[in-house]
Every structure is written in structure tokens, then in C-alpha cells.
Amino acid sequence: MNWSSWSDFLAMGGYGLYVWGSFAMCGVVLALELGLLAMRRRALHDEIEDGVETSDAGAQA
């Protein structure tokens, strides 16, 4: 396809809302997945640290 201007490119031959909406939704889902992954990683890291501290305290007693 040839576009003569940026507005033609953004319109995508009448399908611009669908095309750019799909890209936006994909970006939102990817950002959400990365955020949730970081939260799970942080929670697991905290859980492991708590376990190590607990086992260290039990070994000293």
C-alpha cells in the first residue's frame, strides 16, 4: 500500500481504528503481563528471604 500522507497511514484505508486499537491492546496486555511477572518475582523473592531468615533463627537456637 502507498500512503500519500500520515493521516492516510493512520487511517489504514478505513481500518485504522481496528489496526491501532489492536496494537494498543497488545501493548496493554504485554505491559500488564510484565507488571504481574515483576510482582510475582518480588513476592517469591520476599518469601525465600523470609524462609532463609526463619531457618537461620532456628539454627542459632
C-alpha atoms as a PDB file:
ATOM      1  CA  MET A   1       0.000   0.000   0.000  1.00  0.00           C
ATOM      2  CA  ASN A   2       1.113   3.531  -0.708  1.00  0.00           C
ATOM      3  CA  TRP A   3       0.092   6.330   1.610  1.00  0.00           C
ATOM      4  CA  SER A   4       0.341   9.917   0.471  1.00  0.00           C
ATOM      5  CA  SER A   5       0.274  11.400   3.984  1.00  0.00           C
ATOM      6  CA  TRP A   6       0.490  10.492   7.659  1.00  0.00           C
ATOM      7  CA  SER A   7      -3.268  10.788   8.021  1.00  0.00           C
ATOM      8  CA  ASP A   8      -3.719   8.190   5.260  1.00  0.00           C
ATOM      9  CA  PHE A   9      -1.225   5.944   7.024  1.00  0.00           C
ATOM     10  CA  LEU A  10      -3.028   6.307  10.359  1.00  0.00           C
ATOM     11  CA  ALA A  11      -6.419   5.730   8.715  1.00  0.00           C
ATOM     12  CA  MET A  12      -5.136   2.449   7.187  1.00  0.00           C
ATOM     13  CA  GLY A  13      -7.691   2.517   4.405  1.00  0.00           C
ATOM     14  CA  GLY A  14     -10.597   2.796   6.834  1.00  0.00           C
ATOM     15  CA  TYR A  15      -9.339   0.103   9.202  1.00  0.00           C
ATOM     16  CA  GLY A  16      -7.109   2.367  11.315  1.00  0.00           C
ATOM     17  CA  LEU A  17      -9.245   2.136  14.453  1.00  0.00           C
ATOM     18  CA  TYR A  18      -9.120  -1.670  14.339  1.00  0.00           C
ATOM     19  CA  VAL A  19      -5.407  -1.818  13.488  1.00  0.00           C
ATOM     20  CA  TRP A  20      -4.195   0.750  16.025  1.00  0.00           C
ATOM     21  CA  GLY A  21      -6.671  -0.461  18.640  1.00  0.00           C
ATOM     22  CA  SER A  22      -5.223  -3.964  18.251  1.00  0.00           C
ATOM     23  CA  PHE A  23      -1.687  -2.657  18.663  1.00  0.00           C
ATOM     24  CA  ALA A  24      -2.733  -0.677  21.738  1.00  0.00           C
ATOM     25  CA  MET A  25      -4.498  -3.670  23.302  1.00  0.00           C
ATOM     26  CA  CYS A  26      -1.446  -5.848  22.663  1.00  0.00           C
ATOM     27  CA  GLY A  27       0.766  -3.240  24.319  1.00  0.00           C
ATOM     28  CA  VAL A  28      -1.549  -3.020  27.341  1.00  0.00           C
ATOM     29  CA  VAL A  29      -1.618  -6.801  27.738  1.00  0.00           C
ATOM     30  CA  LEU A  30       2.176  -7.055  27.442  1.00  0.00           C
ATOM     31  CA  ALA A  31       2.695  -4.266  29.989  1.00  0.00           C
ATOM     32  CA  LEU A  32       0.201  -5.922  32.348  1.00  0.00           C
ATOM     33  CA  GLU A  33       1.951  -9.287  31.989  1.00  0.00           C
ATOM     34  CA  LEU A  34       5.351  -7.721  32.705  1.00  0.00           C
ATOM     35  CA  GLY A  35       3.946  -5.927  35.753  1.00  0.00           C
ATOM     36  CA  LEU A  36       2.344  -9.094  37.110  1.00  0.00           C
ATOM     37  CA  LEU A  37       5.528 -11.045  36.460  1.00  0.00           C
ATOM     38  CA  ALA A  38       7.552  -8.472  38.411  1.00  0.00           C
ATOM     39  CA  MET A  39       5.073  -8.644  41.303  1.00  0.00           C
ATOM     40  CA  ARG A  40       5.219 -12.458  41.403  1.00  0.00           C
ATOM     41  CA  ARG A  41       9.023 -12.374  41.270  1.00  0.00           C
ATOM     42  CA  ARG A  42       9.187  -9.848  44.105  1.00  0.00           C
ATOM     43  CA  ALA A  43       6.722 -11.884  46.208  1.00  0.00           C
ATOM     44  CA  LEU A  44       8.708 -15.086  45.638  1.00  0.00           C
ATOM     45  CA  HIS A  45      11.955 -13.296  46.484  1.00  0.00           C
ATOM     46  CA  ASP A  46      10.423 -11.961  49.729  1.00  0.00           C
ATOM     47  CA  GLU A  47       9.070 -15.417  50.562  1.00  0.00           C
ATOM     48  CA  ILE A  48      12.504 -17.000  50.029  1.00  0.00           C
ATOM     49  CA  GLU A  49      14.178 -14.315  52.161  1.00  0.00           C
ATOM     50  CA  ASP A  50      11.656 -14.903  54.968  1.00  0.00           C
ATOM     51  CA  GLY A  51      12.366 -18.645  54.791  1.00  0.00           C
ATOM     52  CA  VAL A  52      16.110 -18.098  54.953  1.00  0.00           C
ATOM     53  CA  GLU A  53      15.744 -15.768  57.962  1.00  0.00           C
ATOM     54  CA  THR A  54      13.481 -18.284  59.689  1.00  0.00           C
ATOM     55  CA  SER A  55      15.897 -21.181  59.092  1.00  0.00           C
ATOM     56  CA  ASP A  56      18.838 -19.043  60.301  1.00  0.00           C
ATOM     57  CA  ALA A  57      16.981 -18.185  63.512  1.00  0.00           C
ATOM     58  CA  GLY A  58      16.148 -21.876  64.069  1.00  0.00           C
ATOM     59  CA  ALA A  59      19.763 -22.920  63.543  1.00  0.00           C
ATOM     60  CA  GLN A  60      21.005 -20.434  66.140  1.00  0.00           C
ATOM     61  CA  ALA A  61      18.570 -21.639  68.841  1.00  0.00           C
END
